[in-house]
Every structure is written in structure tokens, then in C-alpha cells.
Amino acid sequence: MTTSYARTILLGAAIAGSMGIGYAIGAQPHMGETLGFLQSARGELAAATPNKGGHRERALALIDQAIAEVRAGIAFAGG
């Protein structure tokens, strides 16, 4: 139960932080928030045990790719 509570607190902090990042970026609040969610998801996957038949590793690679694309979109828009 405490692990679930700690994850809830961590996720809440990540969401709050990503909202702040989004507004700090400027006209890209949704992209910034998305970046925060992706980083949070990556952290959760990285903490998971690697006994998923390679799916965890592929998911980590896809999240890394998504983070790179979001950052590229923010840069393209001048953020």
C-alpha cells in the first residue's frame, strides 16, 4: 500500500512539474505537459522488472523516440 501511495505522490509531483514546465516553455503548454508524462512513464517502465519478453525494452525505446519527437516539435515551433 505504501508503494502505491508513493507512486501516486510521485505521479502527482510529475504532473504538477510538467504543467509548470509547459507554461515555462511558452506557447507549448500541451507539448511540455506531454513531455512530463512521457518522462514519468519512462521512469515507471525503467523501475519495472525486465521479465516481459523484451516488451519493456521496446516500450522504453519507443518512449525515448516519442520524447525526442516532442522535443523536436517544441524546437520547430520556436519554443
N, C-alpha and C. Protein backbone atom coordinates (compact mmCIF):
# COMPACT_ATOMS: atom_id res chain seq x y z
N MET A 1 0.82 -1.19 0.00
CA MET A 1 0.00 0.00 0.00
C MET A 1 0.87 1.26 0.00
N THR A 2 1.97 1.24 0.73
CA THR A 2 2.83 2.42 0.76
C THR A 2 3.50 2.65 -0.59
N THR A 3 3.82 1.57 -1.33
CA THR A 3 4.41 1.73 -2.65
C THR A 3 3.42 2.42 -3.58
N SER A 4 2.17 2.01 -3.53
CA SER A 4 1.14 2.64 -4.35
C SER A 4 0.97 4.10 -3.98
N TYR A 5 0.98 4.39 -2.70
CA TYR A 5 0.85 5.76 -2.23
C TYR A 5 2.04 6.60 -2.70
N ALA A 6 3.23 6.04 -2.60
CA ALA A 6 4.42 6.76 -3.03
C ALA A 6 4.38 7.03 -4.53
N ARG A 7 3.92 6.05 -5.30
CA ARG A 7 3.80 6.25 -6.75
C ARG A 7 2.78 7.33 -7.08
N THR A 8 1.69 7.34 -6.33
CA THR A 8 0.66 8.37 -6.54
C THR A 8 1.23 9.75 -6.27
N ILE A 9 1.98 9.88 -5.19
CA ILE A 9 2.61 11.16 -4.85
C ILE A 9 3.61 11.55 -5.94
N LEU A 10 4.42 10.59 -6.37
CA LEU A 10 5.41 10.85 -7.40
C LEU A 10 4.75 11.27 -8.71
N LEU A 11 3.68 10.58 -9.09
CA LEU A 11 2.97 10.93 -10.32
C LEU A 11 2.35 12.32 -10.20
N GLY A 12 1.78 12.63 -9.05
CA GLY A 12 1.20 13.96 -8.83
C GLY A 12 2.26 15.05 -8.95
N ALA A 13 3.42 14.79 -8.36
CA ALA A 13 4.51 15.77 -8.46
C ALA A 13 4.98 15.92 -9.90
N ALA A 14 5.05 14.81 -10.63
CA ALA A 14 5.46 14.87 -12.03
C ALA A 14 4.45 15.66 -12.87
N ILE A 15 3.18 15.44 -12.60
CA ILE A 15 2.15 16.18 -13.33
C ILE A 15 2.23 17.66 -13.02
N ALA A 16 2.36 17.98 -11.74
CA ALA A 16 2.46 19.40 -11.35
C ALA A 16 3.70 20.03 -11.96
N GLY A 17 4.81 19.31 -11.92
CA GLY A 17 6.04 19.83 -12.51
C GLY A 17 5.94 20.00 -14.00
N SER A 18 5.30 19.05 -14.66
CA SER A 18 5.18 19.14 -16.12
C SER A 18 4.28 20.30 -16.52
N MET A 19 3.29 20.59 -15.70
CA MET A 19 2.44 21.74 -16.00
C MET A 19 3.26 23.02 -15.92
N GLY A 20 4.10 23.11 -14.90
CA GLY A 20 4.97 24.28 -14.78
C GLY A 20 5.95 24.38 -15.93
N ILE A 21 6.51 23.24 -16.34
CA ILE A 21 7.43 23.22 -17.47
C ILE A 21 6.71 23.69 -18.73
N GLY A 22 5.49 23.21 -18.91
CA GLY A 22 4.72 23.58 -20.10
C GLY A 22 4.51 25.07 -20.22
N TYR A 23 4.19 25.71 -19.11
CA TYR A 23 3.97 27.15 -19.16
C TYR A 23 5.29 27.90 -19.27
N ALA A 24 6.36 27.35 -18.71
CA ALA A 24 7.66 27.98 -18.83
C ALA A 24 8.16 27.94 -20.27
N ILE A 25 7.78 26.93 -21.01
CA ILE A 25 8.21 26.81 -22.40
C ILE A 25 7.58 27.91 -23.25
N GLY A 26 6.43 28.38 -22.86
CA GLY A 26 5.79 29.46 -23.60
C GLY A 26 4.50 28.99 -24.21
N ALA A 27 4.41 29.07 -25.51
CA ALA A 27 3.18 28.74 -26.21
C ALA A 27 3.04 27.25 -26.46
N GLN A 28 3.74 26.43 -25.70
CA GLN A 28 3.72 24.99 -25.90
C GLN A 28 3.30 24.24 -24.63
N PRO A 29 2.23 24.67 -23.94
CA PRO A 29 1.89 24.01 -22.67
C PRO A 29 1.52 22.55 -22.83
N HIS A 30 0.85 22.19 -23.90
CA HIS A 30 0.46 20.79 -24.09
C HIS A 30 1.66 19.91 -24.43
N MET A 31 2.56 20.45 -25.23
CA MET A 31 3.77 19.70 -25.57
C MET A 31 4.63 19.50 -24.32
N GLY A 32 4.75 20.53 -23.50
CA GLY A 32 5.52 20.42 -22.27
C GLY A 32 4.91 19.43 -21.31
N GLU A 33 3.59 19.45 -21.22
CA GLU A 33 2.90 18.51 -20.35
C GLU A 33 3.07 17.08 -20.86
N THR A 34 3.01 16.92 -22.15
CA THR A 34 3.23 15.61 -22.76
C THR A 34 4.63 15.10 -22.44
N LEU A 35 5.61 15.98 -22.52
CA LEU A 35 6.98 15.61 -22.22
C LEU A 35 7.09 15.10 -20.77
N GLY A 36 6.42 15.78 -19.86
CA GLY A 36 6.43 15.34 -18.46
C GLY A 36 5.80 13.98 -18.27
N PHE A 37 4.68 13.75 -18.94
CA PHE A 37 4.01 12.44 -18.85
C PHE A 37 4.90 11.33 -19.41
N LEU A 38 5.54 11.61 -20.54
CA LEU A 38 6.42 10.60 -21.14
C LEU A 38 7.60 10.29 -20.23
N GLN A 39 8.18 11.32 -19.63
CA GLN A 39 9.30 11.10 -18.73
C GLN A 39 8.87 10.31 -17.50
N SER A 40 7.68 10.58 -17.00
CA SER A 40 7.15 9.83 -15.86
C SER A 40 6.91 8.37 -16.25
N ALA A 41 6.34 8.15 -17.42
CA ALA A 41 6.10 6.79 -17.90
C ALA A 41 7.42 6.04 -18.07
N ARG A 42 8.44 6.73 -18.57
CA ARG A 42 9.74 6.10 -18.75
C ARG A 42 10.32 5.68 -17.41
N GLY A 43 10.16 6.53 -16.41
CA GLY A 43 10.65 6.20 -15.08
C GLY A 43 9.97 4.98 -14.50
N GLU A 44 8.67 4.88 -14.70
CA GLU A 44 7.92 3.72 -14.21
C GLU A 44 8.36 2.44 -14.93
N LEU A 45 8.53 2.53 -16.25
CA LEU A 45 8.98 1.36 -17.00
C LEU A 45 10.39 0.94 -16.61
N ALA A 46 11.26 1.92 -16.41
CA ALA A 46 12.63 1.62 -16.03
C ALA A 46 12.68 0.91 -14.68
N ALA A 47 11.74 1.23 -13.80
CA ALA A 47 11.69 0.61 -12.47
C ALA A 47 11.07 -0.79 -12.51
N ALA A 48 10.38 -1.13 -13.58
CA ALA A 48 9.73 -2.44 -13.68
C ALA A 48 10.77 -3.54 -13.88
N THR A 49 10.44 -4.72 -13.45
CA THR A 49 11.35 -5.85 -13.65
C THR A 49 11.41 -6.20 -15.14
N PRO A 50 12.60 -6.58 -15.62
CA PRO A 50 12.76 -6.83 -17.05
C PRO A 50 12.37 -8.26 -17.48
N ASN A 51 11.29 -8.76 -16.97
CA ASN A 51 10.87 -10.13 -17.32
C ASN A 51 9.61 -10.10 -18.19
N LYS A 52 9.63 -9.26 -19.19
CA LYS A 52 8.44 -9.04 -20.02
C LYS A 52 8.63 -9.50 -21.46
N GLY A 53 9.59 -10.38 -21.70
CA GLY A 53 9.81 -10.90 -23.04
C GLY A 53 10.29 -9.86 -24.03
N GLY A 54 11.00 -8.86 -23.55
CA GLY A 54 11.52 -7.82 -24.43
C GLY A 54 10.57 -6.66 -24.67
N HIS A 55 9.33 -6.79 -24.22
CA HIS A 55 8.34 -5.73 -24.45
C HIS A 55 8.67 -4.46 -23.66
N ARG A 56 9.16 -4.63 -22.45
CA ARG A 56 9.55 -3.47 -21.63
C ARG A 56 10.64 -2.68 -22.34
N GLU A 57 11.64 -3.37 -22.86
CA GLU A 57 12.75 -2.71 -23.53
C GLU A 57 12.28 -1.99 -24.79
N ARG A 58 11.40 -2.63 -25.54
CA ARG A 58 10.85 -1.98 -26.75
C ARG A 58 10.02 -0.76 -26.36
N ALA A 59 9.26 -0.88 -25.28
CA ALA A 59 8.46 0.26 -24.82
C ALA A 59 9.36 1.41 -24.40
N LEU A 60 10.47 1.11 -23.72
CA LEU A 60 11.42 2.16 -23.34
C LEU A 60 11.99 2.86 -24.57
N ALA A 61 12.33 2.08 -25.59
CA ALA A 61 12.86 2.66 -26.82
C ALA A 61 11.82 3.55 -27.51
N LEU A 62 10.57 3.11 -27.51
CA LEU A 62 9.51 3.91 -28.14
C LEU A 62 9.25 5.19 -27.35
N ILE A 63 9.31 5.10 -26.04
CA ILE A 63 9.14 6.32 -25.23
C ILE A 63 10.29 7.28 -25.48
N ASP A 64 11.51 6.76 -25.57
CA ASP A 64 12.66 7.62 -25.89
C ASP A 64 12.45 8.30 -27.24
N GLN A 65 11.93 7.55 -28.20
CA GLN A 65 11.66 8.12 -29.53
C GLN A 65 10.57 9.19 -29.43
N ALA A 66 9.53 8.93 -28.66
CA ALA A 66 8.45 9.91 -28.50
C ALA A 66 8.95 11.18 -27.82
N ILE A 67 9.80 11.03 -26.80
CA ILE A 67 10.38 12.20 -26.13
C ILE A 67 11.18 13.03 -27.13
N ALA A 68 11.99 12.37 -27.95
CA ALA A 68 12.78 13.09 -28.95
C ALA A 68 11.88 13.83 -29.95
N GLU A 69 10.79 13.19 -30.35
CA GLU A 69 9.86 13.83 -31.30
C GLU A 69 9.17 15.04 -30.67
N VAL A 70 8.76 14.92 -29.43
CA VAL A 70 8.12 16.05 -28.75
C VAL A 70 9.10 17.21 -28.63
N ARG A 71 10.32 16.90 -28.24
CA ARG A 71 11.34 17.96 -28.14
C ARG A 71 11.61 18.59 -29.49
N ALA A 72 11.64 17.79 -30.55
CA ALA A 72 11.84 18.33 -31.90
C ALA A 72 10.68 19.23 -32.29
N GLY A 73 9.46 18.81 -31.94
CA GLY A 73 8.29 19.65 -32.24
C GLY A 73 8.33 20.98 -31.51
N ILE A 74 8.76 20.95 -30.25
CA ILE A 74 8.87 22.19 -29.47
C ILE A 74 9.93 23.10 -30.10
N ALA A 75 11.07 22.50 -30.48
CA ALA A 75 12.13 23.29 -31.10
C ALA A 75 11.69 23.86 -32.44
N PHE A 76 10.96 23.07 -33.22
CA PHE A 76 10.47 23.53 -34.52
C PHE A 76 9.54 24.72 -34.37
N ALA A 77 8.71 24.68 -33.33
CA ALA A 77 7.75 25.77 -33.10
C ALA A 77 8.41 26.99 -32.47
N GLY A 78 9.70 26.90 -32.20
CA GLY A 78 10.40 28.05 -31.66
C GLY A 78 10.35 28.14 -30.16
N GLY A 79 10.00 27.02 -29.51
CA GLY A 79 9.89 27.02 -28.05
C GLY A 79 11.20 26.74 -27.49
